[in-house]
PDB file of N, CA and C in Angstrom:
ATOM      1  N   MET A   1      65.973 127.711 123.955  1.00  0.00           N
ATOM      2  CA  MET A   1      66.995 126.675 123.974  1.00  0.00           C
ATOM      3  C   MET A   1      67.831 126.868 125.237  1.00  0.00           C
ATOM      4  N   THR A   2      67.985 125.794 125.964  1.00  0.00           N
ATOM      5  CA  THR A   2      68.776 125.853 127.184  1.00  0.00           C
ATOM      6  C   THR A   2      70.261 125.700 126.846  1.00  0.00           C
ATOM      7  N   VAL A   3      71.083 125.948 127.832  1.00  0.00           N
ATOM      8  CA  VAL A   3      72.535 125.807 127.641  1.00  0.00           C
ATOM      9  C   VAL A   3      72.887 124.365 127.298  1.00  0.00           C
ATOM     10  N   VAL A   4      72.257 123.432 127.962  1.00  0.00           N
ATOM     11  CA  VAL A   4      72.533 122.013 127.703  1.00  0.00           C
ATOM     12  C   VAL A   4      72.130 121.629 126.280  1.00  0.00           C
ATOM     13  N   GLN A   5      71.003 122.121 125.823  1.00  0.00           N
ATOM     14  CA  GLN A   5      70.571 121.834 124.453  1.00  0.00           C
ATOM     15  C   GLN A   5      71.528 122.444 123.434  1.00  0.00           C
ATOM     16  N   ALA A   6      72.020 123.635 123.706  1.00  0.00           N
ATOM     17  CA  ALA A   6      72.980 124.276 122.811  1.00  0.00           C
ATOM     18  C   ALA A   6      74.288 123.488 122.765  1.00  0.00           C
ATOM     19  N   MET A   7      74.712 123.000 123.911  1.00  0.00           N
ATOM     20  CA  MET A   7      75.937 122.194 123.946  1.00  0.00           C
ATOM     21  C   MET A   7      75.750 120.883 123.192  1.00  0.00           C
ATOM     22  N   GLU A   8      74.586 120.281 123.339  1.00  0.00           N
ATOM     23  CA  GLU A   8      74.299 119.038 122.620  1.00  0.00           C
ATOM     24  C   GLU A   8      74.272 119.281 121.110  1.00  0.00           C
ATOM     25  N   LEU A   9      73.650 120.361 120.711  1.00  0.00           N
ATOM     26  CA  LEU A   9      73.614 120.711 119.292  1.00  0.00           C
ATOM     27  C   LEU A   9      75.026 120.932 118.755  1.00  0.00           C
ATOM     28  N   GLY A  10      75.851 121.619 119.531  1.00  0.00           N
ATOM     29  CA  GLY A  10      77.243 121.833 119.124  1.00  0.00           C
ATOM     30  C   GLY A  10      78.016 120.533 119.003  1.00  0.00           C
ATOM     31  N   LEU A  11      77.792 119.618 119.928  1.00  0.00           N
ATOM     32  CA  LEU A  11      78.454 118.318 119.870  1.00  0.00           C
ATOM     33  C   LEU A  11      78.036 117.538 118.634  1.00  0.00           C
ATOM     34  N   TRP A  12      76.725 117.526 118.338  1.00  0.00           N
ATOM     35  CA  TRP A  12      76.244 116.811 117.155  1.00  0.00           C
ATOM     36  C   TRP A  12      76.773 117.448 115.871  1.00  0.00           C
ATOM     37  N   ALA A  13      76.890 118.763 115.850  1.00  0.00           N
ATOM     38  CA  ALA A  13      77.449 119.433 114.672  1.00  0.00           C
ATOM     39  C   ALA A  13      78.916 119.051 114.497  1.00  0.00           C
ATOM     40  N   TYR A  14      79.656 119.012 115.601  1.00  0.00           N
ATOM     41  CA  TYR A  14      81.066 118.614 115.556  1.00  0.00           C
ATOM     42  C   TYR A  14      81.209 117.197 115.008  1.00  0.00           C
ATOM     43  N   VAL A  15      80.373 116.300 115.485  1.00  0.00           N
ATOM     44  CA  VAL A  15      80.414 114.904 115.031  1.00  0.00           C
ATOM     45  C   VAL A  15      80.021 114.797 113.560  1.00  0.00           C
ATOM     46  N   ALA A  16      79.009 115.544 113.148  1.00  0.00           N
ATOM     47  CA  ALA A  16      78.571 115.487 111.750  1.00  0.00           C
ATOM     48  C   ALA A  16      79.659 115.993 110.806  1.00  0.00           C
ATOM     49  N   PHE A  17      80.242 117.143 111.135  1.00  0.00           N
ATOM     50  CA  PHE A  17      81.340 117.647 110.311  1.00  0.00           C
ATOM     51  C   PHE A  17      82.525 116.688 110.344  1.00  0.00           C
ATOM     52  N   GLY A  18      82.809 116.139 111.513  1.00  0.00           N
ATOM     53  CA  GLY A  18      83.910 115.192 111.645  1.00  0.00           C
ATOM     54  C   GLY A  18      83.706 113.929 110.833  1.00  0.00           C
ATOM     55  N   ALA A  19      82.485 113.426 110.801  1.00  0.00           N
ATOM     56  CA  ALA A  19      82.201 112.217 110.025  1.00  0.00           C
ATOM     57  C   ALA A  19      82.409 112.458 108.538  1.00  0.00           C
ATOM     58  N   ALA A  20      81.904 113.575 108.050  1.00  0.00           N
ATOM     59  CA  ALA A  20      82.076 113.893 106.628  1.00  0.00           C
ATOM     60  C   ALA A  20      83.539 114.157 106.301  1.00  0.00           C
ATOM     61  N   PHE A  21      84.199 114.927 107.144  1.00  0.00           N
ATOM     62  CA  PHE A  21      85.610 115.212 106.914  1.00  0.00           C
ATOM     63  C   PHE A  21      86.435 113.929 107.000  1.00  0.00           C
ATOM     64  N   GLY A  22      86.124 113.080 107.966  1.00  0.00           N
ATOM     65  CA  GLY A  22      86.875 111.842 108.138  1.00  0.00           C
ATOM     66  C   GLY A  22      86.847 110.967 106.899  1.00  0.00           C
ATOM     67  N   LEU A  23      85.690 110.886 106.253  1.00  0.00           N
ATOM     68  CA  LEU A  23      85.607 110.095 105.022  1.00  0.00           C
ATOM     69  C   LEU A  23      86.502 110.671 103.931  1.00  0.00           C
ATOM     70  N   ALA A  24      86.468 111.981 103.787  1.00  0.00           N
ATOM     71  CA  ALA A  24      87.305 112.622 102.771  1.00  0.00           C
ATOM     72  C   ALA A  24      88.783 112.491 103.125  1.00  0.00           C
ATOM     73  N   PHE A  25      89.091 112.644 104.393  1.00  0.00           N
ATOM     74  CA  PHE A  25      90.492 112.612 104.807  1.00  0.00           C
ATOM     75  C   PHE A  25      91.111 111.236 104.631  1.00  0.00           C
ATOM     76  N   VAL A  26      90.429 110.193 105.087  1.00  0.00           N
ATOM     77  CA  VAL A  26      91.024 108.864 104.950  1.00  0.00           C
ATOM     78  C   VAL A  26      91.066 108.428 103.494  1.00  0.00           C
ATOM     79  N   GLY A  27      90.202 109.006 102.670  1.00  0.00           N
ATOM     80  CA  GLY A  27      90.213 108.672 101.248  1.00  0.00           C
ATOM     81  C   GLY A  27      91.329 109.359 100.477  1.00  0.00           C
ATOM     82  N   ARG A  28      91.584 110.638 100.775  1.00  0.00           N
ATOM     83  CA  ARG A  28      92.555 111.392  99.987  1.00  0.00           C
ATOM     84  C   ARG A  28      93.584 112.125 100.827  1.00  0.00           C
ATOM     85  N   GLY A  29      93.168 112.731 101.912  1.00  0.00           N
ATOM     86  CA  GLY A  29      94.043 113.616 102.674  1.00  0.00           C
ATOM     87  C   GLY A  29      95.202 112.929 103.368  1.00  0.00           C
ATOM     88  N   ALA A  30      94.972 111.732 103.869  1.00  0.00           N
ATOM     89  CA  ALA A  30      96.034 111.033 104.581  1.00  0.00           C
ATOM     90  C   ALA A  30      97.228 110.772 103.664  1.00  0.00           C
ATOM     91  N   GLY A  31      96.949 110.447 102.420  1.00  0.00           N
ATOM     92  CA  GLY A  31      98.023 110.204 101.460  1.00  0.00           C
ATOM     93  C   GLY A  31      98.800 111.453 101.118  1.00  0.00           C
ATOM     94  N   LEU A  32      98.176 112.596 101.226  1.00  0.00           N
ATOM     95  CA  LEU A  32      98.876 113.854 100.969  1.00  0.00           C
ATOM     96  C   LEU A  32      99.789 114.223 102.134  1.00  0.00           C
ATOM     97  N   LEU A  33      99.352 113.952 103.351  1.00  0.00           N
ATOM     98  CA  LEU A  33     100.173 114.263 104.517  1.00  0.00           C
ATOM     99  C   LEU A  33     101.307 113.270 104.709  1.00  0.00           C
ATOM    100  N   ASP A  34     101.056 112.020 104.394  1.00  0.00           N
ATOM    101  CA  ASP A  34     102.057 110.969 104.559  1.00  0.00           C
ATOM    102  C   ASP A  34     102.038 110.086 103.317  1.00  0.00           C
ATOM    103  N   PRO A  35     103.067 110.164 102.494  1.00  0.00           N
ATOM    104  CA  PRO A  35     103.071 109.364 101.253  1.00  0.00           C
ATOM    105  C   PRO A  35     102.924 107.860 101.500  1.00  0.00           C
ATOM    106  N   GLY A  36     103.383 107.378 102.637  1.00  0.00           N
ATOM    107  CA  GLY A  36     103.225 105.964 102.956  1.00  0.00           C
ATOM    108  C   GLY A  36     101.776 105.578 103.186  1.00  0.00           C
ATOM    109  N   ALA A  37     100.970 106.526 103.595  1.00  0.00           N
ATOM    110  CA  ALA A  37      99.561 106.254 103.854  1.00  0.00           C
ATOM    111  C   ALA A  37      98.767 106.107 102.569  1.00  0.00           C
ATOM    112  N   ALA A  38      99.301 106.587 101.463  1.00  0.00           N
ATOM    113  CA  ALA A  38      98.580 106.509 100.191  1.00  0.00           C
ATOM    114  C   ALA A  38      98.340 105.065  99.765  1.00  0.00           C
ATOM    115  N   ALA A  39      99.225 104.166 100.159  1.00  0.00           N
ATOM    116  CA  ALA A  39      99.103 102.764  99.772  1.00  0.00           C
ATOM    117  C   ALA A  39      98.406 101.918 100.833  1.00  0.00           C
ATOM    118  N   ALA A  40      97.862 102.537 101.861  1.00  0.00           N
ATOM    119  CA  ALA A  40      97.224 101.786 102.942  1.00  0.00           C
ATOM    120  C   ALA A  40      95.943 101.109 102.444  1.00  0.00           C
ATOM    121  N   PRO A  41      95.719  99.878 102.867  1.00  0.00           N
ATOM    122  CA  PRO A  41      94.501  99.176 102.439  1.00  0.00           C
ATOM    123  C   PRO A  41      93.261  99.738 103.144  1.00  0.00           C
ATOM    124  N   LEU A  42      92.116  99.360 102.652  1.00  0.00           N
ATOM    125  CA  LEU A  42      90.845  99.837 103.186  1.00  0.00           C
ATOM    126  C   LEU A  42      90.692  99.512 104.669  1.00  0.00           C
ATOM    127  N   SER A  43      91.152  98.345 105.085  1.00  0.00           N
ATOM    128  CA  SER A  43      91.006  97.966 106.492  1.00  0.00           C
ATOM    129  C   SER A  43      91.734  98.947 107.412  1.00  0.00           C
ATOM    130  N   VAL A  44      92.872  99.438 106.996  1.00  0.00           N
ATOM    131  CA  VAL A  44      93.618 100.420 107.789  1.00  0.00           C
ATOM    132  C   VAL A  44      92.895 101.758 107.772  1.00  0.00           C
ATOM    133  N   ARG A  45      92.377 102.140 106.647  1.00  0.00           N
ATOM    134  CA  ARG A  45      91.657 103.412 106.548  1.00  0.00           C
ATOM    135  C   ARG A  45      90.397 103.413 107.407  1.00  0.00           C
ATOM    136  N   ILE A  46      89.759 102.269 107.535  1.00  0.00           N
ATOM    137  CA  ILE A  46      88.589 102.159 108.412  1.00  0.00           C
ATOM    138  C   ILE A  46      88.998 102.389 109.867  1.00  0.00           C
ATOM    139  N   VAL A  47      90.154 101.904 110.247  1.00  0.00           N
ATOM    140  CA  VAL A  47      90.650 102.118 111.610  1.00  0.00           C
ATOM    141  C   VAL A  47      91.006 103.588 111.831  1.00  0.00           C
ATOM    142  N   TRP A  48      91.485 104.278 110.818  1.00  0.00           N
ATOM    143  CA  TRP A  48      91.850 105.697 110.940  1.00  0.00           C
ATOM    144  C   TRP A  48      90.631 106.604 111.061  1.00  0.00           C
ATOM    145  N   TRP A  49      89.500 106.189 110.530  1.00  0.00           N
ATOM    146  CA  TRP A  49      88.330 107.054 110.449  1.00  0.00           C
ATOM    147  C   TRP A  49      87.876 107.624 111.794  1.00  0.00           C
ATOM    148  N   PRO A  50      87.769 106.836 112.879  1.00  0.00           N
ATOM    149  CA  PRO A  50      87.344 107.440 114.149  1.00  0.00           C
ATOM    150  C   PRO A  50      88.304 108.526 114.642  1.00  0.00           C
ATOM    151  N   GLY A  51      89.585 108.327 114.432  1.00  0.00           N
ATOM    152  CA  GLY A  51      90.557 109.344 114.824  1.00  0.00           C
ATOM    153  C   GLY A  51      90.399 110.613 114.007  1.00  0.00           C
ATOM    154  N   ALA A  52      90.154 110.459 112.717  1.00  0.00           N
ATOM    155  CA  ALA A  52      89.931 111.629 111.865  1.00  0.00           C
ATOM    156  C   ALA A  52      88.642 112.341 112.248  1.00  0.00           C
ATOM    157  N   LEU A  53      87.638 111.588 112.651  1.00  0.00           N
ATOM    158  CA  LEU A  53      86.386 112.189 113.105  1.00  0.00           C
ATOM    159  C   LEU A  53      86.628 113.034 114.356  1.00  0.00           C
ATOM    160  N   ALA A  54      87.377 112.515 115.291  1.00  0.00           N
ATOM    161  CA  ALA A  54      87.606 113.222 116.552  1.00  0.00           C
ATOM    162  C   ALA A  54      88.545 114.408 116.396  1.00  0.00           C
ATOM    163  N   LEU A  55      89.543 114.277 115.555  1.00  0.00           N
ATOM    164  CA  LEU A  55      90.588 115.304 115.434  1.00  0.00           C
ATOM    165  C   LEU A  55      90.459 116.135 114.168  1.00  0.00           C
ATOM    166  N   TRP A  56      89.268 116.227 113.603  1.00  0.00           N
ATOM    167  CA  TRP A  56      89.111 116.859 112.301  1.00  0.00           C
ATOM    168  C   TRP A  56      89.563 118.312 112.237  1.00  0.00           C
ATOM    169  N   PRO A  57      89.419 119.141 113.257  1.00  0.00           N
ATOM    170  CA  PRO A  57      89.895 120.527 113.087  1.00  0.00           C
ATOM    171  C   PRO A  57      91.406 120.602 112.850  1.00  0.00           C
ATOM    172  N   TRP A  58      92.173 119.807 113.596  1.00  0.00           N
ATOM    173  CA  TRP A  58      93.627 119.818 113.439  1.00  0.00           C
ATOM    174  C   TRP A  58      94.044 119.185 112.109  1.00  0.00           C
ATOM    175  N   LEU A  59      93.401 118.105 111.742  1.00  0.00           N
ATOM    176  CA  LEU A  59      93.730 117.465 110.473  1.00  0.00           C
ATOM    177  C   LEU A  59      93.336 118.336 109.287  1.00  0.00           C
ATOM    178  N   ALA A  60      92.245 119.083 109.416  1.00  0.00           N
ATOM    179  CA  ALA A  60      91.832 119.983 108.335  1.00  0.00           C
ATOM    180  C   ALA A  60      92.870 121.066 108.112  1.00  0.00           C
ATOM    181  N   VAL A  61      93.402 121.614 109.188  1.00  0.00           N
ATOM    182  CA  VAL A  61      94.447 122.637 109.068  1.00  0.00           C
ATOM    183  C   VAL A  61      95.702 122.039 108.443  1.00  0.00           C
ATOM    184  N   ALA A  62      96.103 120.858 108.894  1.00  0.00           N
ATOM    185  CA  ALA A  62      97.298 120.211 108.337  1.00  0.00           C
ATOM    186  C   ALA A  62      97.113 119.886 106.863  1.00  0.00           C
ATOM    187  N   TRP A  63      95.947 119.404 106.495  1.00  0.00           N
ATOM    188  CA  TRP A  63      95.656 119.067 105.102  1.00  0.00           C
ATOM    189  C   TRP A  63      95.669 120.329 104.247  1.00  0.00           C
ATOM    190  N   TRP A  64      95.065 121.387 104.752  1.00  0.00           N
ATOM    191  CA  TRP A  64      95.031 122.662 104.022  1.00  0.00           C
ATOM    192  C   TRP A  64      96.447 123.192 103.809  1.00  0.00           C
ATOM    193  N   ARG A  65      97.278 123.136 104.839  1.00  0.00           N
ATOM    194  CA  ARG A  65      98.673 123.602 104.701  1.00  0.00           C
ATOM    195  C   ARG A  65      99.455 122.753 103.715  1.00  0.00           C
ATOM    196  N   ALA A  66      99.229 121.436 103.743  1.00  0.00           N
ATOM    197  CA  ALA A  66      99.922 120.536 102.821  1.00  0.00           C
ATOM    198  C   ALA A  66      99.506 120.811 101.376  1.00  0.00           C
ATOM    199  N   ARG A  67      98.235 121.092 101.163  1.00  0.00           N
ATOM    200  CA  ARG A  67      97.763 121.387  99.803  1.00  0.00           C
ATOM    201  C   ARG A  67      98.332 122.708  99.294  1.00  0.00           C
ATOM    202  N   ARG A  68      98.484 123.683 100.176  1.00  0.00           N
ATOM    203  CA  ARG A  68      99.028 124.968  99.778  1.00  0.00           C
ATOM    204  C   ARG A  68     100.513 124.864  99.415  1.00  0.00           C
ATOM    205  N   SER A  69     101.245 123.998 100.124  1.00  0.00           N
ATOM    206  CA  SER A  69     102.681 123.884  99.876  1.00  0.00           C
ATOM    207  C   SER A  69     102.995 122.916  98.728  1.00  0.00           C
ATOM    208  N   ALA A  70     102.043 122.096  98.331  1.00  0.00           N
ATOM    209  CA  ALA A  70     102.290 121.117  97.264  1.00  0.00           C
ATOM    210  C   ALA A  70     102.201 121.740  95.887  1.00  0.00           C
TER     211      ALA A  70
END
């Protein structure tokens, strides 16, 4: 495996984890971090999904901290 192939594999893994996390986050996690987000309609949650996919490591930490303090 070349360096480029390893980087590509890492990118695809990041995207795959982000996609799965993003679905869970926009479904449940966003409402835990921001009570106003709990009432957001599906159309808004669809718009949030790409951001959750890209920023999943930071959102995962924030969600984990919020669950521990709740």
